[in-house]
C-alpha atoms as a PDB file:
ATOM      1  CA  MET A   1      34.598 -21.111  30.336  1.00  0.00           C
ATOM      2  CA  LYS A   2      34.609 -21.341  26.827  1.00  0.00           C
ATOM      3  CA  ILE A   3      31.247 -21.061  23.954  1.00  0.00           C
ATOM      4  CA  THR A   4      31.516 -24.118  20.761  1.00  0.00           C
ATOM      5  CA  LYS A   5      29.804 -21.621  17.905  1.00  0.00           C
ATOM      6  CA  PRO A   6      26.977 -23.598  17.810  1.00  0.00           C
ATOM      7  CA  LYS A   7      26.068 -23.038  21.991  1.00  0.00           C
ATOM      8  CA  ARG A   8      26.447 -19.247  20.669  1.00  0.00           C
ATOM      9  CA  ASN A   9      24.399 -19.571  18.155  1.00  0.00           C
ATOM     10  CA  ASN A  10      21.290 -21.571  19.435  1.00  0.00           C
ATOM     11  CA  ILE A  11      22.124 -17.782  21.999  1.00  0.00           C
ATOM     12  CA  ILE A  12      22.000 -16.018  19.300  1.00  0.00           C
ATOM     13  CA  PHE A  13      18.586 -17.152  17.917  1.00  0.00           C
ATOM     14  CA  LEU A  14      17.638 -17.516  21.037  1.00  0.00           C
ATOM     15  CA  ILE A  15      17.602 -13.431  21.278  1.00  0.00           C
ATOM     16  CA  VAL A  16      16.665 -12.931  18.030  1.00  0.00           C
ATOM     17  CA  ILE A  17      12.786 -14.903  19.150  1.00  0.00           C
ATOM     18  CA  ALA A  18      13.323 -13.287  22.651  1.00  0.00           C
ATOM     19  CA  VAL A  19      12.850  -9.496  20.741  1.00  0.00           C
ATOM     20  CA  LEU A  20      10.313 -10.715  18.101  1.00  0.00           C
ATOM     21  CA  LEU A  21       8.129 -12.136  21.056  1.00  0.00           C
ATOM     22  CA  ILE A  22       8.594  -8.083  22.405  1.00  0.00           C
ATOM     23  CA  PRO A  23       5.207  -6.489  21.633  1.00  0.00           C
ATOM     24  CA  GLN A  24       7.628  -2.789  21.257  1.00  0.00           C
ATOM     25  CA  THR A  25      10.748  -4.390  19.471  1.00  0.00           C
ATOM     26  CA  ARG A  26       7.938  -6.909  16.842  1.00  0.00           C
ATOM     27  CA  LYS A  27       6.784  -4.113  14.182  1.00  0.00           C
ATOM     28  CA  PRO A  28       9.686  -1.649  13.930  1.00  0.00           C
ATOM     29  CA  ILE A  29      12.217  -5.555  13.070  1.00  0.00           C
ATOM     30  CA  GLN A  30       8.024  -6.518  11.184  1.00  0.00           C
ATOM     31  CA  VAL A  31       8.888  -3.086   9.500  1.00  0.00           C
ATOM     32  CA  PHE A  32      12.393  -3.231   9.160  1.00  0.00           C
ATOM     33  CA  LEU A  33      12.248  -6.389   6.863  1.00  0.00           C
ATOM     34  CA  GLN A  34       9.636  -5.312   4.939  1.00  0.00           C
ATOM     35  CA  LYS A  35      11.345  -2.647   3.667  1.00  0.00           C
ATOM     36  CA  GLY A  36      14.001  -4.968   1.953  1.00  0.00           C
ATOM     37  CA  LEU A  37      10.397  -6.603   0.164  1.00  0.00           C
ATOM     38  CA  ALA A  38       9.948  -3.434  -0.524  1.00  0.00           C
ATOM     39  CA  LEU A  39      12.271  -2.836  -3.051  1.00  0.00           C
ATOM     40  CA  ILE A  40      11.319  -4.812  -5.672  1.00  0.00           C
ATOM     41  CA  SER A  41       8.725  -3.173  -7.917  1.00  0.00           C
ATOM     42  CA  PRO A  42       5.076  -4.384  -8.784  1.00  0.00           C
ATOM     43  CA  SER A  43       4.953  -6.442 -12.056  1.00  0.00           C
ATOM     44  CA  VAL A  44       2.774  -5.305 -14.917  1.00  0.00           C
ATOM     45  CA  ILE A  45      -0.197  -7.889 -15.622  1.00  0.00           C
ATOM     46  CA  LYS A  46      -0.086  -9.064 -19.299  1.00  0.00           C
ATOM     47  CA  GLU A  47      -3.208  -7.577 -21.330  1.00  0.00           C
ATOM     48  CA  SER A  48      -4.187 -10.440 -21.892  1.00  0.00           C
ATOM     49  CA  GLU A  49      -5.208 -11.616 -18.468  1.00  0.00           C
ATOM     50  CA  GLN A  50      -6.132  -7.616 -17.221  1.00  0.00           C
ATOM     51  CA  THR A  51      -9.477  -7.933 -15.747  1.00  0.00           C
ATOM     52  CA  SER A  52     -11.588  -5.282 -16.494  1.00  0.00           C
ATOM     53  CA  ILE A  53     -13.659  -2.738 -13.727  1.00  0.00           C
ATOM     54  CA  THR A  54     -17.542  -3.290 -14.771  1.00  0.00           C
ATOM     55  CA  ASN A  55     -18.774  -2.068 -11.523  1.00  0.00           C
ATOM     56  CA  TYR A  56     -17.269   1.911 -10.572  1.00  0.00           C
ATOM     57  CA  ASN A  57     -20.389   2.069  -7.797  1.00  0.00           C
ATOM     58  CA  TRP A  58     -18.871   2.377  -4.913  1.00  0.00           C
ATOM     59  CA  LYS A  59     -18.702   5.294  -2.110  1.00  0.00           C
ATOM     60  CA  LEU A  60     -15.669   6.002  -0.196  1.00  0.00           C
ATOM     61  CA  LYS A  61     -15.453   8.604   2.971  1.00  0.00           C
ATOM     62  CA  ASP A  62     -12.746  11.383   4.373  1.00  0.00           C
ATOM     63  CA  GLU A  63     -12.364  12.802   7.259  1.00  0.00           C
ATOM     64  CA  ASN A  64     -15.036  15.368   7.043  1.00  0.00           C
ATOM     65  CA  GLY A  65     -17.651  12.867   6.415  1.00  0.00           C
ATOM     66  CA  ALA A  66     -17.962  14.262   2.402  1.00  0.00           C
ATOM     67  CA  VAL A  67     -18.846  11.051   0.294  1.00  0.00           C
ATOM     68  CA  PHE A  68     -16.370  10.070  -2.645  1.00  0.00           C
ATOM     69  CA  ASN A  69     -17.617   8.812  -5.645  1.00  0.00           C
ATOM     70  CA  PHE A  70     -15.482   6.257  -7.826  1.00  0.00           C
ATOM     71  CA  GLU A  71     -17.666   6.435 -10.916  1.00  0.00           C
ATOM     72  CA  THR A  72     -15.871   9.973 -11.198  1.00  0.00           C
ATOM     73  CA  THR A  73     -13.054   7.860 -11.841  1.00  0.00           C
ATOM     74  CA  LYS A  74     -13.972   6.674 -14.733  1.00  0.00           C
ATOM     75  CA  GLU A  75     -11.080   7.818 -18.029  1.00  0.00           C
ATOM     76  CA  LYS A  76      -8.684   8.772 -15.237  1.00  0.00           C
ATOM     77  CA  VAL A  77      -5.650   6.769 -14.013  1.00  0.00           C
ATOM     78  CA  VAL A  78      -5.613   5.755 -10.814  1.00  0.00           C
ATOM     79  CA  LEU A  79      -3.676   4.667  -7.903  1.00  0.00           C
ATOM     80  CA  LEU A  80      -5.826   2.464  -5.129  1.00  0.00           C
ATOM     81  CA  ASN A  81      -4.509   1.378  -2.065  1.00  0.00           C
ATOM     82  CA  PHE A  82      -5.885  -0.625   1.043  1.00  0.00           C
ATOM     83  CA  TRP A  83      -3.438  -0.089   3.527  1.00  0.00           C
ATOM     84  CA  ALA A  84      -3.841  -0.198   7.579  1.00  0.00           C
ATOM     85  CA  THR A  85      -1.687   2.229  10.047  1.00  0.00           C
ATOM     86  CA  TRP A  86      -0.582  -1.114  12.318  1.00  0.00           C
ATOM     87  CA  CYS A  87       0.245  -3.463   9.248  1.00  0.00           C
ATOM     88  CA  PRO A  88       4.413  -3.658   8.866  1.00  0.00           C
ATOM     89  CA  PRO A  89       4.552  -4.512   5.018  1.00  0.00           C
ATOM     90  CA  CYS A  90       2.302  -1.134   4.089  1.00  0.00           C
ATOM     91  CA  ILE A  91       4.177   0.919   6.595  1.00  0.00           C
ATOM     92  CA  ALA A  92       7.444   0.191   4.388  1.00  0.00           C
ATOM     93  CA  GLU A  93       5.598   0.868   0.941  1.00  0.00           C
ATOM     94  CA  MET A  94       4.006   3.778   2.591  1.00  0.00           C
ATOM     95  CA  PRO A  95       7.906   6.209   1.267  1.00  0.00           C
ATOM     96  CA  SER A  96       7.593   5.243  -1.249  1.00  0.00           C
ATOM     97  CA  LEU A  97       3.439   5.511  -2.493  1.00  0.00           C
ATOM     98  CA  GLN A  98       4.454   9.470  -0.649  1.00  0.00           C
ATOM     99  CA  LYS A  99       7.165  10.257  -2.872  1.00  0.00           C
ATOM    100  CA  LEU A 100       5.063   8.413  -6.040  1.00  0.00           C
ATOM    101  CA  TYR A 101       2.298  10.652  -4.352  1.00  0.00           C
ATOM    102  CA  ASP A 102       4.891  13.896  -4.528  1.00  0.00           C
ATOM    103  CA  ASP A 103       5.239  13.915  -8.201  1.00  0.00           C
ATOM    104  CA  TYR A 104       1.726  12.504 -10.001  1.00  0.00           C
ATOM    105  CA  ASN A 105      -0.813  14.252  -7.476  1.00  0.00           C
ATOM    106  CA  ASP A 106      -1.519  15.959 -10.134  1.00  0.00           C
ATOM    107  CA  LYS A 107      -1.918  13.637 -13.410  1.00  0.00           C
ATOM    108  CA  ILE A 108      -3.787  10.472 -11.363  1.00  0.00           C
ATOM    109  CA  GLU A 109      -6.029   9.824  -8.813  1.00  0.00           C
ATOM    110  CA  PHE A 110      -5.073   8.446  -5.264  1.00  0.00           C
ATOM    111  CA  ILE A 111      -6.933   6.498  -3.494  1.00  0.00           C
ATOM    112  CA  LEU A 112      -5.745   5.428  -0.406  1.00  0.00           C
ATOM    113  CA  VAL A 113      -8.624   3.912   2.100  1.00  0.00           C
ATOM    114  CA  SER A 114      -8.440   2.467   5.347  1.00  0.00           C
ATOM    115  CA  ASP A 115     -10.868   0.856   7.796  1.00  0.00           C
ATOM    116  CA  GLU A 116      -9.801   2.674  11.008  1.00  0.00           C
ATOM    117  CA  SER A 117     -10.808   5.685  12.755  1.00  0.00           C
ATOM    118  CA  PHE A 118      -9.445   9.034  10.726  1.00  0.00           C
ATOM    119  CA  SER A 119      -8.105  10.272  14.159  1.00  0.00           C
ATOM    120  CA  THR A 120      -5.604   7.149  13.992  1.00  0.00           C
ATOM    121  CA  ILE A 121      -5.215   7.703  10.395  1.00  0.00           C
ATOM    122  CA  ASN A 122      -4.145  11.339  11.121  1.00  0.00           C
ATOM    123  CA  SER A 123      -1.892  10.592  13.568  1.00  0.00           C
ATOM    124  CA  PHE A 124       0.185   8.313  11.507  1.00  0.00           C
ATOM    125  CA  LEU A 125       0.174  10.406   8.429  1.00  0.00           C
ATOM    126  CA  GLU A 126       1.259  13.819  10.944  1.00  0.00           C
ATOM    127  CA  LYS A 127       3.603  11.398  12.773  1.00  0.00           C
ATOM    128  CA  ASN A 128       5.339  10.149   9.317  1.00  0.00           C
ATOM    129  CA  ASN A 129       4.704  13.560   6.702  1.00  0.00           C
ATOM    130  CA  TYR A 130       2.431  11.521   4.625  1.00  0.00           C
ATOM    131  CA  ASN A 131       0.387  14.122   2.955  1.00  0.00           C
ATOM    132  CA  PHE A 132      -2.038  11.478   0.294  1.00  0.00           C
ATOM    133  CA  LYS A 133      -5.407  11.925   1.503  1.00  0.00           C
ATOM    134  CA  VAL A 134      -7.271   9.196   2.705  1.00  0.00           C
ATOM    135  CA  TYR A 135     -10.823   7.576   2.622  1.00  0.00           C
ATOM    136  CA  ASN A 136     -13.010   5.376   4.493  1.00  0.00           C
ATOM    137  CA  GLN A 137     -15.752   2.509   2.587  1.00  0.00           C
ATOM    138  CA  ALA A 138     -19.044   4.445   3.150  1.00  0.00           C
ATOM    139  CA  SER A 139     -20.509   1.210   0.574  1.00  0.00           C
ATOM    140  CA  LYS A 140     -18.954  -2.438  -0.195  1.00  0.00           C
ATOM    141  CA  SER A 141     -17.012  -2.488  -3.571  1.00  0.00           C
ATOM    142  CA  GLN A 142     -18.629  -4.693  -5.975  1.00  0.00           C
ATOM    143  CA  PHE A 143     -15.149  -5.285  -6.906  1.00  0.00           C
ATOM    144  CA  PHE A 144     -12.333  -4.753  -5.363  1.00  0.00           C
ATOM    145  CA  ASN A 145     -12.474  -7.765  -2.615  1.00  0.00           C
ATOM    146  CA  VAL A 146      -9.638  -7.692  -0.926  1.00  0.00           C
ATOM    147  CA  ARG A 147      -8.833 -10.336   1.820  1.00  0.00           C
ATOM    148  CA  GLY A 148      -4.828  -9.039   2.248  1.00  0.00           C
ATOM    149  CA  ILE A 149      -3.513  -5.764   3.161  1.00  0.00           C
ATOM    150  CA  PRO A 150      -1.801  -3.553   1.859  1.00  0.00           C
ATOM    151  CA  ARG A 151      -3.283  -4.275  -1.737  1.00  0.00           C
ATOM    152  CA  THR A 152      -1.865  -1.914  -4.462  1.00  0.00           C
ATOM    153  CA  PHE A 153      -4.369  -1.667  -8.301  1.00  0.00           C
ATOM    154  CA  LEU A 154      -2.931   0.776 -10.872  1.00  0.00           C
ATOM    155  CA  ILE A 155      -5.720   1.268 -13.266  1.00  0.00           C
ATOM    156  CA  ASP A 156      -5.457   2.782 -16.743  1.00  0.00           C
ATOM    157  CA  LYS A 157      -7.931   5.244 -18.537  1.00  0.00           C
ATOM    158  CA  LYS A 158     -10.348   2.496 -19.735  1.00  0.00           C
ATOM    159  CA  GLY A 159     -10.531   0.714 -16.600  1.00  0.00           C
ATOM    160  CA  ASN A 160      -7.775  -2.014 -16.959  1.00  0.00           C
ATOM    161  CA  VAL A 161      -6.098  -2.949 -13.521  1.00  0.00           C
ATOM    162  CA  VAL A 162      -2.785  -3.496 -14.960  1.00  0.00           C
ATOM    163  CA  ILE A 163      -1.219  -3.939 -11.863  1.00  0.00           C
ATOM    164  CA  ASP A 164      -2.897  -5.775  -9.254  1.00  0.00           C
ATOM    165  CA  LYS A 165      -0.176  -6.638  -6.360  1.00  0.00           C
ATOM    166  CA  THR A 166      -0.967  -7.494  -2.580  1.00  0.00           C
ATOM    167  CA  GLY A 167       2.313  -7.272   0.092  1.00  0.00           C
ATOM    168  CA  ALA A 168       4.708  -4.614   0.202  1.00  0.00           C
ATOM    169  CA  ALA A 169       6.154  -2.968  -2.908  1.00  0.00           C
ATOM    170  CA  ASN A 170       8.705   0.217  -4.090  1.00  0.00           C
ATOM    171  CA  TRP A 171       5.897   2.870  -6.126  1.00  0.00           C
ATOM    172  CA  ASN A 172       8.696   5.016  -6.622  1.00  0.00           C
ATOM    173  CA  SER A 173       9.972   3.190  -9.333  1.00  0.00           C
ATOM    174  CA  ASP A 174      11.598   3.404 -12.546  1.00  0.00           C
ATOM    175  CA  SER A 175       9.193   0.853 -14.585  1.00  0.00           C
ATOM    176  CA  VAL A 176       5.945   2.263 -12.046  1.00  0.00           C
ATOM    177  CA  ARG A 177       6.622   5.200 -13.285  1.00  0.00           C
ATOM    178  CA  ASN A 178       7.325   4.221 -16.459  1.00  0.00           C
ATOM    179  CA  THR A 179       3.923   2.780 -16.661  1.00  0.00           C
ATOM    180  CA  ILE A 180       2.137   5.758 -15.372  1.00  0.00           C
ATOM    181  CA  ASP A 181       3.454   7.339 -17.870  1.00  0.00           C
ATOM    182  CA  GLY A 182       2.559   5.157 -20.451  1.00  0.00           C
ATOM    183  CA  LEU A 183      -0.816   5.199 -19.463  1.00  0.00           C
ATOM    184  CA  LEU A 184      -0.698   9.301 -19.438  1.00  0.00           C
ATOM    185  CA  LYS A 185      -0.395   8.895 -23.225  1.00  0.00           C
END
């Protein structure tokens, strides 16, 4: 019995759908697809369209319960990322965030925020050899109203949001590095 091209295509389509429905294979496939999207560098917002942080009254806490006051980031360049360990686009962009962190953690403030438990976060970080610090929110921000993750903000020393990106992106790109270098001058 010969299988025609349309039948073969239908079989392949059904196999792909079945693989996506199986929980054990769905997440790795989604992460793989998101890594393709994470090759794109985020865009800088035109200066005339940038918003400024007006309220720095926001508290975060680390895994030891120590409170981090966002007020301390005034007059610093900040990369703020909201993410979760279960989020395929978040997982896809993490390697580029780690590379950027490796080169800029002593120059800019990296703040990664997740609502998950620290045991879940730390397990994920350890498994993937990531070494950035992660916070939970101790209070709600009046400025950062995040509805989707990952969502990342690059903020200049004056509190202007230079990049506001929802979804996976390449944070280790030349354009992001050039933007940060320009903000540090």
